[in-house]
Amino acid sequence: MFHRPVWAAPSPTADPGRAMKVLLLTGLGALFFAYYWDDNFDPASLQGARVLLTGVSAGVGEELAYHYTRLGSHLVLTAHTEAFLQQVVGNCRKLGAPKVFYIAADMASQTERVVQFALDKLGGLDYLVLNHLGAAPAGTRVRSSLSTRWLMQVNFLSYVQLTSSALPSLTDSKGSLVVVSSLLGRVPTSFSSPYSAAKFALDSFFSSLRRELDVQEVNVAITMCVLGLRDRASAAEGVRGITRVKAAQGPKAALAVIRGGATRASGVFYPWRFHLLCLLRSWMPHSRAWFVRQELNITTPPAA
């Protein structure tokens, strides 16, 4: 007797990887609509806005400078290398920047001078956009005490010092603090412990500061921006052979940062799928670990 074959749907548990992909895609779809459905970004709100922007020599920082220029903002730009700064400033002027000034400075030791320069040139601040980052000094081991101390100074303490100096002016203008951070400040991964420590410190400090300002009824917004791998040579070199993650596209990432700051959002995630990964950190730690491992080249030996 002939029996018709019975089709049975494959069990999700039979393939954990497939089940994880289904879960992630479902969550990503929900987050996409939630993120873009209520978009109140008004480009005109940035016309004439006074912006101090750090770390503009390349990548996202450079693109931030160009976007703010096109939107008619008044800018003070800073970075470590004056030659790169001059090139970016020249490009901003070609784009029709109404006001653009620059100051070359070492974020390890000259933060107060940078803020004072901006206040003198612009007469106050509406936005402080913190985007600079530092790599470990040449010739030091990645996890040495010297390397860790340097990374904490440039990638964390300088942010605190700049914020402290600029906060009175931002309070007067009811302005915004925009902090460009990293996924490594929300989700720990392998081979990046000193850098992750600095980024976790950023997230904790500014989350606490946001609560303090709210309690004190100080109308200064803080926007934390969680980005993927930076689109610049130093960032790519630091993880060469370790991760499969591709660098975020500078222009798109920069625009996401600007939109978040202008709308006074508490958080920005670019690529936006990182929001789900951050949620998984608390909800489903095992799933998060699986997702992180997919981005690592675990055959590469860790650096000393």
C-alpha atoms as a PDB file:
ATOM      1  CA  MET A   1       0.000   0.000   0.000  1.00  0.00           C
ATOM      2  CA  PHE A   2       1.314   3.422  -0.961  1.00  0.00           C
ATOM      3  CA  HIS A   3       1.670   5.926   1.849  1.00  0.00           C
ATOM      4  CA  ARG A   4       1.922   9.639   1.151  1.00  0.00           C
ATOM      5  CA  PRO A   5       5.098  11.017   2.698  1.00  0.00           C
ATOM      6  CA  VAL A   6       4.406  13.322   5.597  1.00  0.00           C
ATOM      7  CA  TRP A   7       6.291  16.624   5.620  1.00  0.00           C
ATOM      8  CA  ALA A   8       7.437  17.890   8.983  1.00  0.00           C
ATOM      9  CA  ALA A   9       8.876  21.325   9.679  1.00  0.00           C
ATOM     10  CA  PRO A  10      12.423  21.129  10.963  1.00  0.00           C
ATOM     11  CA  SER A  11      12.693  21.749  14.669  1.00  0.00           C
ATOM     12  CA  PRO A  12      14.454  25.034  15.516  1.00  0.00           C
ATOM     13  CA  THR A  13      16.373  23.195  18.215  1.00  0.00           C
ATOM     14  CA  ALA A  14      17.887  20.928  15.566  1.00  0.00           C
ATOM     15  CA  ASP A  15      19.952  23.828  14.295  1.00  0.00           C
ATOM     16  CA  PRO A  16      20.827  26.341  17.039  1.00  0.00           C
ATOM     17  CA  GLY A  17      22.481  28.628  14.523  1.00  0.00           C
ATOM     18  CA  ARG A  18      19.323  28.816  12.418  1.00  0.00           C
ATOM     19  CA  ALA A  19      17.158  29.401  15.468  1.00  0.00           C
ATOM     20  CA  MET A  20      19.437  32.212  16.554  1.00  0.00           C
ATOM     21  CA  LYS A  21      19.232  33.837  13.131  1.00  0.00           C
ATOM     22  CA  VAL A  22      15.420  33.695  13.202  1.00  0.00           C
ATOM     23  CA  LEU A  23      15.395  35.261  16.653  1.00  0.00           C
ATOM     24  CA  LEU A  24      17.796  38.001  15.636  1.00  0.00           C
ATOM     25  CA  LEU A  25      15.956  38.851  12.413  1.00  0.00           C
ATOM     26  CA  THR A  26      12.637  39.062  14.246  1.00  0.00           C
ATOM     27  CA  GLY A  27      14.094  41.367  16.857  1.00  0.00           C
ATOM     28  CA  LEU A  28      15.879  43.455  14.256  1.00  0.00           C
ATOM     29  CA  GLY A  29      12.657  44.010  12.353  1.00  0.00           C
ATOM     30  CA  ALA A  30      10.878  45.193  15.484  1.00  0.00           C
ATOM     31  CA  LEU A  31      13.723  47.519  16.402  1.00  0.00           C
ATOM     32  CA  PHE A  32      13.888  48.937  12.885  1.00  0.00           C
ATOM     33  CA  PHE A  33      10.262  50.055  12.925  1.00  0.00           C
ATOM     34  CA  ALA A  34      10.494  51.318  16.511  1.00  0.00           C
ATOM     35  CA  TYR A  35      13.608  53.348  15.707  1.00  0.00           C
ATOM     36  CA  TYR A  36      12.463  54.951  12.473  1.00  0.00           C
ATOM     37  CA  TRP A  37       8.725  55.286  13.009  1.00  0.00           C
ATOM     38  CA  ASP A  38       8.950  58.395  15.223  1.00  0.00           C
ATOM     39  CA  ASP A  39      11.622  60.571  13.626  1.00  0.00           C
ATOM     40  CA  ASN A  40      11.442  64.229  14.661  1.00  0.00           C
ATOM     41  CA  PHE A  41      14.830  65.325  13.310  1.00  0.00           C
ATOM     42  CA  ASP A  42      14.724  68.930  12.061  1.00  0.00           C
ATOM     43  CA  PRO A  43      17.874  69.874  10.111  1.00  0.00           C
ATOM     44  CA  ALA A  44      17.050  73.565  10.531  1.00  0.00           C
ATOM     45  CA  SER A  45      17.611  73.238  14.280  1.00  0.00           C
ATOM     46  CA  LEU A  46      21.361  72.985  13.614  1.00  0.00           C
ATOM     47  CA  GLN A  47      21.530  76.214  11.598  1.00  0.00           C
ATOM     48  CA  GLY A  48      23.894  78.462  13.551  1.00  0.00           C
ATOM     49  CA  ALA A  49      24.390  75.917  16.336  1.00  0.00           C
ATOM     50  CA  ARG A  50      27.743  76.279  18.127  1.00  0.00           C
ATOM     51  CA  VAL A  51      29.568  72.956  18.039  1.00  0.00           C
ATOM     52  CA  LEU A  52      32.868  71.807  19.545  1.00  0.00           C
ATOM     53  CA  LEU A  53      33.848  68.571  17.800  1.00  0.00           C
ATOM     54  CA  THR A  54      36.853  66.429  18.748  1.00  0.00           C
ATOM     55  CA  GLY A  55      38.703  63.763  16.779  1.00  0.00           C
ATOM     56  CA  VAL A  56      38.053  65.125  13.290  1.00  0.00           C
ATOM     57  CA  SER A  57      41.209  64.045  11.469  1.00  0.00           C
ATOM     58  CA  ALA A  58      39.620  60.981   9.799  1.00  0.00           C
ATOM     59  CA  GLY A  59      36.679  58.573   9.701  1.00  0.00           C
ATOM     60  CA  VAL A  60      33.445  59.405  11.523  1.00  0.00           C
ATOM     61  CA  GLY A  61      34.875  62.605  13.012  1.00  0.00           C
ATOM     62  CA  GLU A  62      35.788  64.014   9.623  1.00  0.00           C
ATOM     63  CA  GLU A  63      32.347  63.157   8.255  1.00  0.00           C
ATOM     64  CA  LEU A  64      30.704  64.776  11.299  1.00  0.00           C
ATOM     65  CA  ALA A  65      32.534  68.005  10.448  1.00  0.00           C
ATOM     66  CA  TYR A  66      31.252  67.928   6.863  1.00  0.00           C
ATOM     67  CA  HIS A  67      27.658  67.138   7.881  1.00  0.00           C
ATOM     68  CA  TYR A  68      27.576  69.922  10.468  1.00  0.00           C
ATOM     69  CA  THR A  69      29.016  72.292   7.855  1.00  0.00           C
ATOM     70  CA  ARG A  70      26.280  71.455   5.351  1.00  0.00           C
ATOM     71  CA  LEU A  71      23.685  72.030   8.078  1.00  0.00           C
ATOM     72  CA  GLY A  72      25.020  75.528   8.740  1.00  0.00           C
ATOM     73  CA  SER A  73      26.560  74.982  12.180  1.00  0.00           C
ATOM     74  CA  HIS A  74      29.404  77.084  13.588  1.00  0.00           C
ATOM     75  CA  LEU A  75      32.346  74.841  14.368  1.00  0.00           C
ATOM     76  CA  VAL A  76      35.471  74.507  16.435  1.00  0.00           C
ATOM     77  CA  LEU A  77      37.342  71.395  15.336  1.00  0.00           C
ATOM     78  CA  THR A  78      40.171  69.689  17.149  1.00  0.00           C
ATOM     79  CA  ALA A  79      42.484  66.740  16.610  1.00  0.00           C
ATOM     80  CA  HIS A  80      46.046  65.794  17.473  1.00  0.00           C
ATOM     81  CA  THR A  81      47.690  66.380  14.074  1.00  0.00           C
ATOM     82  CA  GLU A  82      47.523  69.918  12.722  1.00  0.00           C
ATOM     83  CA  ALA A  83      48.157  68.937   9.104  1.00  0.00           C
ATOM     84  CA  PHE A  84      45.063  66.700   9.036  1.00  0.00           C
ATOM     85  CA  LEU A  85      43.048  69.388  10.812  1.00  0.00           C
ATOM     86  CA  GLN A  86      43.969  71.996   8.217  1.00  0.00           C
ATOM     87  CA  GLN A  87      42.873  69.681   5.432  1.00  0.00           C
ATOM     88  CA  VAL A  88      39.466  69.058   7.037  1.00  0.00           C
ATOM     89  CA  VAL A  89      38.983  72.760   7.775  1.00  0.00           C
ATOM     90  CA  GLY A  90      39.837  73.572   4.159  1.00  0.00           C
ATOM     91  CA  ASN A  91      37.210  71.114   2.955  1.00  0.00           C
ATOM     92  CA  CYS A  92      34.635  72.608   5.323  1.00  0.00           C
ATOM     93  CA  ARG A  93      35.307  76.074   3.914  1.00  0.00           C
ATOM     94  CA  LYS A  94      34.860  74.746   0.379  1.00  0.00           C
ATOM     95  CA  LEU A  95      31.476  73.395   1.504  1.00  0.00           C
ATOM     96  CA  GLY A  96      30.502  76.900   2.608  1.00  0.00           C
ATOM     97  CA  ALA A  97      31.073  76.724   6.375  1.00  0.00           C
ATOM     98  CA  PRO A  98      29.709  79.942   7.935  1.00  0.00           C
ATOM     99  CA  LYS A  99      32.222  79.728  10.799  1.00  0.00           C
ATOM    100  CA  VAL A 100      34.945  77.155  11.341  1.00  0.00           C
ATOM    101  CA  PHE A 101      37.970  77.342  13.627  1.00  0.00           C
ATOM    102  CA  TYR A 102      40.495  74.728  14.612  1.00  0.00           C
ATOM    103  CA  ILE A 103      42.946  73.975  17.390  1.00  0.00           C
ATOM    104  CA  ALA A 104      45.477  71.155  17.396  1.00  0.00           C
ATOM    105  CA  ALA A 105      45.672  69.606  20.856  1.00  0.00           C
ATOM    106  CA  ASP A 106      46.731  66.516  22.755  1.00  0.00           C
ATOM    107  CA  MET A 107      43.672  65.119  24.505  1.00  0.00           C
ATOM    108  CA  ALA A 108      45.910  63.579  27.150  1.00  0.00           C
ATOM    109  CA  SER A 109      46.843  66.981  28.573  1.00  0.00           C
ATOM    110  CA  GLN A 110      45.225  69.982  26.854  1.00  0.00           C
ATOM    111  CA  THR A 111      41.459  69.619  27.312  1.00  0.00           C
ATOM    112  CA  GLU A 112      40.847  72.873  29.219  1.00  0.00           C
ATOM    113  CA  ARG A 113      42.666  74.874  26.536  1.00  0.00           C
ATOM    114  CA  VAL A 114      40.436  73.353  23.845  1.00  0.00           C
ATOM    115  CA  VAL A 115      37.186  74.274  25.597  1.00  0.00           C
ATOM    116  CA  GLN A 116      38.371  77.809  26.377  1.00  0.00           C
ATOM    117  CA  PHE A 117      39.370  78.288  22.744  1.00  0.00           C
ATOM    118  CA  ALA A 118      35.889  77.224  21.626  1.00  0.00           C
ATOM    119  CA  LEU A 119      34.178  79.543  24.092  1.00  0.00           C
ATOM    120  CA  ASP A 120      36.337  82.465  22.968  1.00  0.00           C
ATOM    121  CA  LYS A 121      35.679  81.848  19.263  1.00  0.00           C
ATOM    122  CA  LEU A 122      31.968  80.946  19.410  1.00  0.00           C
ATOM    123  CA  GLY A 123      30.808  82.826  22.500  1.00  0.00           C
ATOM    124  CA  GLY A 124      29.337  79.657  24.013  1.00  0.00           C
ATOM    125  CA  LEU A 125      28.427  76.082  23.138  1.00  0.00           C
ATOM    126  CA  ASP A 126      25.241  74.344  22.078  1.00  0.00           C
ATOM    127  CA  TYR A 127      26.856  70.971  21.354  1.00  0.00           C
ATOM    128  CA  LEU A 128      29.920  69.217  22.699  1.00  0.00           C
ATOM    129  CA  VAL A 129      30.585  66.227  20.433  1.00  0.00           C
ATOM    130  CA  LEU A 130      33.242  63.913  21.886  1.00  0.00           C
ATOM    131  CA  ASN A 131      34.596  61.603  19.224  1.00  0.00           C
ATOM    132  CA  HIS A 132      38.370  61.318  19.707  1.00  0.00           C
ATOM    133  CA  LEU A 133      40.088  58.045  20.556  1.00  0.00           C
ATOM    134  CA  GLY A 134      43.626  56.977  21.189  1.00  0.00           C
ATOM    135  CA  ALA A 135      45.512  53.794  20.415  1.00  0.00           C
ATOM    136  CA  ALA A 136      48.149  52.278  22.662  1.00  0.00           C
ATOM    137  CA  PRO A 137      51.549  54.012  22.423  1.00  0.00           C
ATOM    138  CA  ALA A 138      53.938  52.442  19.931  1.00  0.00           C
ATOM    139  CA  GLY A 139      56.194  49.805  21.417  1.00  0.00           C
ATOM    140  CA  THR A 140      53.956  48.939  24.390  1.00  0.00           C
ATOM    141  CA  ARG A 141      52.213  45.627  24.985  1.00  0.00           C
ATOM    142  CA  VAL A 142      48.431  45.727  24.529  1.00  0.00           C
ATOM    143  CA  ARG A 143      47.607  44.771  28.128  1.00  0.00           C
ATOM    144  CA  SER A 144      50.540  46.440  29.875  1.00  0.00           C
ATOM    145  CA  SER A 145      49.907  48.929  32.678  1.00  0.00           C
ATOM    146  CA  LEU A 146      51.409  51.741  30.573  1.00  0.00           C
ATOM    147  CA  SER A 147      49.128  50.968  27.646  1.00  0.00           C
ATOM    148  CA  THR A 148      46.037  50.701  29.851  1.00  0.00           C
ATOM    149  CA  ARG A 149      46.831  53.972  31.638  1.00  0.00           C
ATOM    150  CA  TRP A 150      47.234  55.779  28.322  1.00  0.00           C
ATOM    151  CA  LEU A 151      44.010  54.392  26.892  1.00  0.00           C
ATOM    152  CA  MET A 152      42.078  55.387  30.014  1.00  0.00           C
ATOM    153  CA  GLN A 153      43.515  58.915  29.913  1.00  0.00           C
ATOM    154  CA  VAL A 154      42.693  59.592  26.272  1.00  0.00           C
ATOM    155  CA  ASN A 155      39.523  57.512  25.832  1.00  0.00           C
ATOM    156  CA  PHE A 156      37.896  58.203  29.206  1.00  0.00           C
ATOM    157  CA  LEU A 157      39.445  60.840  31.475  1.00  0.00           C
ATOM    158  CA  SER A 158      39.783  63.432  28.711  1.00  0.00           C
ATOM    159  CA  TYR A 159      36.033  63.038  28.026  1.00  0.00           C
ATOM    160  CA  VAL A 160      35.340  63.760  31.688  1.00  0.00           C
ATOM    161  CA  GLN A 161      37.643  66.793  31.677  1.00  0.00           C
ATOM    162  CA  LEU A 162      36.133  68.262  28.496  1.00  0.00           C
ATOM    163  CA  THR A 163      32.632  67.739  29.868  1.00  0.00           C
ATOM    164  CA  SER A 164      33.491  69.399  33.166  1.00  0.00           C
ATOM    165  CA  SER A 165      34.902  72.462  31.384  1.00  0.00           C
ATOM    166  CA  ALA A 166      32.027  72.775  28.894  1.00  0.00           C
ATOM    167  CA  LEU A 167      29.084  71.971  31.174  1.00  0.00           C
ATOM    168  CA  PRO A 168      28.477  75.539  32.471  1.00  0.00           C
ATOM    169  CA  SER A 169      28.115  76.854  28.912  1.00  0.00           C
ATOM    170  CA  LEU A 170      25.922  73.916  27.870  1.00  0.00           C
ATOM    171  CA  THR A 171      23.742  74.533  30.916  1.00  0.00           C
ATOM    172  CA  ASP A 172      23.239  78.169  29.896  1.00  0.00           C
ATOM    173  CA  SER A 173      22.275  77.188  26.336  1.00  0.00           C
ATOM    174  CA  LYS A 174      20.253  74.084  27.315  1.00  0.00           C
ATOM    175  CA  GLY A 175      22.612  72.253  25.004  1.00  0.00           C
ATOM    176  CA  SER A 176      23.645  68.690  24.326  1.00  0.00           C
ATOM    177  CA  LEU A 177      26.530  66.358  25.056  1.00  0.00           C
ATOM    178  CA  VAL A 178      27.091  63.802  22.299  1.00  0.00           C
ATOM    179  CA  VAL A 179      29.447  60.981  23.243  1.00  0.00           C
ATOM    180  CA  VAL A 180      30.666  58.734  20.426  1.00  0.00           C
ATOM    181  CA  SER A 181      31.515  55.400  21.999  1.00  0.00           C
ATOM    182  CA  SER A 182      31.732  51.791  20.877  1.00  0.00           C
ATOM    183  CA  LEU A 183      29.914  48.498  21.074  1.00  0.00           C
ATOM    184  CA  LEU A 184      32.841  47.401  23.257  1.00  0.00           C
ATOM    185  CA  GLY A 185      31.487  49.746  25.929  1.00  0.00           C
ATOM    186  CA  ARG A 186      28.312  47.669  26.152  1.00  0.00           C
ATOM    187  CA  VAL A 187      29.295  44.134  25.181  1.00  0.00           C
ATOM    188  CA  PRO A 188      32.703  42.767  26.206  1.00  0.00           C
ATOM    189  CA  THR A 189      34.600  40.704  23.683  1.00  0.00           C
ATOM    190  CA  SER A 190      37.996  39.097  23.359  1.00  0.00           C
ATOM    191  CA  PHE A 191      41.439  40.704  22.887  1.00  0.00           C
ATOM    192  CA  SER A 192      40.319  44.253  23.762  1.00  0.00           C
ATOM    193  CA  SER A 193      40.329  44.440  27.565  1.00  0.00           C
ATOM    194  CA  PRO A 194      42.034  47.861  28.098  1.00  0.00           C
ATOM    195  CA  TYR A 195      40.031  49.540  25.322  1.00  0.00           C
ATOM    196  CA  SER A 196      36.794  47.952  26.547  1.00  0.00           C
ATOM    197  CA  ALA A 197      37.548  49.136  30.081  1.00  0.00           C
ATOM    198  CA  ALA A 198      37.738  52.737  28.873  1.00  0.00           C
ATOM    199  CA  LYS A 199      34.510  52.439  26.880  1.00  0.00           C
ATOM    200  CA  PHE A 200      32.619  50.766  29.743  1.00  0.00           C
ATOM    201  CA  ALA A 201      33.824  53.613  31.970  1.00  0.00           C
ATOM    202  CA  LEU A 202      32.405  56.131  29.474  1.00  0.00           C
ATOM    203  CA  ASP A 203      29.024  54.444  29.479  1.00  0.00           C
ATOM    204  CA  SER A 204      28.863  54.289  33.280  1.00  0.00           C
ATOM    205  CA  PHE A 205      30.038  57.866  33.810  1.00  0.00           C
ATOM    206  CA  PHE A 206      27.676  59.509  31.339  1.00  0.00           C
ATOM    207  CA  SER A 207      24.715  57.338  32.361  1.00  0.00           C
ATOM    208  CA  SER A 208      25.253  58.456  35.958  1.00  0.00           C
ATOM    209  CA  LEU A 209      25.762  62.080  34.904  1.00  0.00           C
ATOM    210  CA  ARG A 210      22.477  61.975  32.990  1.00  0.00           C
ATOM    211  CA  ARG A 211      20.676  60.937  36.191  1.00  0.00           C
ATOM    212  CA  GLU A 212      22.410  63.661  38.210  1.00  0.00           C
ATOM    213  CA  LEU A 213      21.463  66.377  35.730  1.00  0.00           C
ATOM    214  CA  ASP A 214      17.873  65.161  35.721  1.00  0.00           C
ATOM    215  CA  VAL A 215      17.647  65.257  39.519  1.00  0.00           C
ATOM    216  CA  GLN A 216      19.139  68.759  39.548  1.00  0.00           C
ATOM    217  CA  GLU A 217      16.746  69.824  36.727  1.00  0.00           C
ATOM    218  CA  VAL A 218      19.633  70.821  34.477  1.00  0.00           C
ATOM    219  CA  ASN A 219      18.391  70.797  30.890  1.00  0.00           C
ATOM    220  CA  VAL A 220      21.450  69.322  29.179  1.00  0.00           C
ATOM    221  CA  ALA A 221      20.857  66.246  27.025  1.00  0.00           C
ATOM    222  CA  ILE A 222      23.359  63.385  26.884  1.00  0.00           C
ATOM    223  CA  THR A 223      23.359  61.151  23.817  1.00  0.00           C
ATOM    224  CA  MET A 224      25.475  57.987  23.943  1.00  0.00           C
ATOM    225  CA  CYS A 225      26.348  56.711  20.473  1.00  0.00           C
ATOM    226  CA  VAL A 226      27.273  53.044  20.149  1.00  0.00           C
ATOM    227  CA  LEU A 227      29.161  52.471  16.913  1.00  0.00           C
ATOM    228  CA  GLY A 228      30.831  49.456  15.396  1.00  0.00           C
ATOM    229  CA  LEU A 229      34.405  49.337  14.138  1.00  0.00           C
ATOM    230  CA  ARG A 230      35.550  52.842  13.233  1.00  0.00           C
ATOM    231  CA  ASP A 231      36.148  53.629   9.578  1.00  0.00           C
ATOM    232  CA  ARG A 232      39.777  54.666  10.027  1.00  0.00           C
ATOM    233  CA  ALA A 233      43.168  53.056   9.582  1.00  0.00           C
ATOM    234  CA  SER A 234      44.151  52.957  13.281  1.00  0.00           C
ATOM    235  CA  ALA A 235      40.967  51.169  14.290  1.00  0.00           C
ATOM    236  CA  ALA A 236      41.241  48.621  11.504  1.00  0.00           C
ATOM    237  CA  GLU A 237      44.888  47.934  12.256  1.00  0.00           C
ATOM    238  CA  GLY A 238      44.162  47.333  15.941  1.00  0.00           C
ATOM    239  CA  VAL A 239      41.845  44.408  15.184  1.00  0.00           C
ATOM    240  CA  ARG A 240      43.454  43.079  12.004  1.00  0.00           C
ATOM    241  CA  GLY A 241      43.140  39.296  11.911  1.00  0.00           C
ATOM    242  CA  ILE A 242      41.007  39.211  15.078  1.00  0.00           C
ATOM    243  CA  THR A 243      37.523  40.188  13.949  1.00  0.00           C
ATOM    244  CA  ARG A 244      35.392  39.698  10.853  1.00  0.00           C
ATOM    245  CA  VAL A 245      33.367  42.831  11.532  1.00  0.00           C
ATOM    246  CA  LYS A 246      33.469  45.408   8.740  1.00  0.00           C
ATOM    247  CA  ALA A 247      34.002  49.069   9.516  1.00  0.00           C
ATOM    248  CA  ALA A 248      30.951  51.295   9.793  1.00  0.00           C
ATOM    249  CA  GLN A 249      30.578  53.665   6.850  1.00  0.00           C
ATOM    250  CA  GLY A 250      31.723  57.082   8.013  1.00  0.00           C
ATOM    251  CA  PRO A 251      29.069  59.306   6.357  1.00  0.00           C
ATOM    252  CA  LYS A 252      26.108  57.177   7.464  1.00  0.00           C
ATOM    253  CA  ALA A 253      27.426  56.667  10.978  1.00  0.00           C
ATOM    254  CA  ALA A 254      28.094  60.401  11.297  1.00  0.00           C
ATOM    255  CA  LEU A 255      24.581  61.286  10.195  1.00  0.00           C
ATOM    256  CA  ALA A 256      23.122  58.862  12.755  1.00  0.00           C
ATOM    257  CA  VAL A 257      25.189  60.583  15.467  1.00  0.00           C
ATOM    258  CA  ILE A 258      24.010  64.050  14.397  1.00  0.00           C
ATOM    259  CA  ARG A 259      20.348  63.007  14.265  1.00  0.00           C
ATOM    260  CA  GLY A 260      20.578  61.500  17.734  1.00  0.00           C
ATOM    261  CA  GLY A 261      22.182  64.608  19.198  1.00  0.00           C
ATOM    262  CA  ALA A 262      19.750  67.001  17.514  1.00  0.00           C
ATOM    263  CA  THR A 263      16.704  65.061  18.734  1.00  0.00           C
ATOM    264  CA  ARG A 264      18.218  64.737  22.239  1.00  0.00           C
ATOM    265  CA  ALA A 265      17.956  60.944  22.092  1.00  0.00           C
ATOM    266  CA  SER A 266      19.485  59.085  25.016  1.00  0.00           C
ATOM    267  CA  GLY A 267      21.107  56.507  22.734  1.00  0.00           C
ATOM    268  CA  VAL A 268      22.124  55.914  19.123  1.00  0.00           C
ATOM    269  CA  PHE A 269      23.148  52.546  17.683  1.00  0.00           C
ATOM    270  CA  TYR A 270      24.913  52.234  14.341  1.00  0.00           C
ATOM    271  CA  PRO A 271      24.555  49.819  12.716  1.00  0.00           C
ATOM    272  CA  TRP A 272      21.143  49.731  14.387  1.00  0.00           C
ATOM    273  CA  ARG A 273      21.258  45.924  14.868  1.00  0.00           C
ATOM    274  CA  PHE A 274      23.703  46.567  17.723  1.00  0.00           C
ATOM    275  CA  HIS A 275      20.750  47.669  19.832  1.00  0.00           C
ATOM    276  CA  LEU A 276      19.505  44.100  19.872  1.00  0.00           C
ATOM    277  CA  LEU A 277      22.929  42.775  20.811  1.00  0.00           C
ATOM    278  CA  CYS A 278      23.058  45.166  23.770  1.00  0.00           C
ATOM    279  CA  LEU A 279      19.628  43.997  24.894  1.00  0.00           C
ATOM    280  CA  LEU A 280      20.716  40.372  24.610  1.00  0.00           C
ATOM    281  CA  ARG A 281      23.508  41.111  27.064  1.00  0.00           C
ATOM    282  CA  SER A 282      20.968  41.182  29.893  1.00  0.00           C
ATOM    283  CA  TRP A 283      18.164  39.067  28.510  1.00  0.00           C
ATOM    284  CA  MET A 284      19.995  36.143  26.939  1.00  0.00           C
ATOM    285  CA  PRO A 285      23.710  36.083  27.829  1.00  0.00           C
ATOM    286  CA  HIS A 286      24.337  32.726  26.115  1.00  0.00           C
ATOM    287  CA  SER A 287      22.808  33.976  22.874  1.00  0.00           C
ATOM    288  CA  ARG A 288      24.881  37.130  23.088  1.00  0.00           C
ATOM    289  CA  ALA A 289      28.052  35.105  23.521  1.00  0.00           C
ATOM    290  CA  TRP A 290      27.170  33.041  20.448  1.00  0.00           C
ATOM    291  CA  PHE A 291      26.623  36.188  18.390  1.00  0.00           C
ATOM    292  CA  VAL A 292      29.933  37.721  19.518  1.00  0.00           C
ATOM    293  CA  ARG A 293      31.861  34.545  18.688  1.00  0.00           C
ATOM    294  CA  GLN A 294      30.594  34.642  15.108  1.00  0.00           C
ATOM    295  CA  GLU A 295      32.478  37.909  14.581  1.00  0.00           C
ATOM    296  CA  LEU A 296      35.809  36.637  15.915  1.00  0.00           C
ATOM    297  CA  ASN A 297      38.588  34.881  14.101  1.00  0.00           C
ATOM    298  CA  ILE A 298      39.407  32.618  17.030  1.00  0.00           C
ATOM    299  CA  THR A 299      42.299  30.954  15.191  1.00  0.00           C
ATOM    300  CA  THR A 300      44.354  34.141  15.599  1.00  0.00           C
ATOM    301  CA  PRO A 301      46.601  34.047  18.683  1.00  0.00           C
ATOM    302  CA  PRO A 302      45.966  36.958  21.100  1.00  0.00           C
ATOM    303  CA  ALA A 303      48.490  39.769  21.321  1.00  0.00           C
ATOM    304  CA  ALA A 304      50.820  39.899  24.306  1.00  0.00           C
END
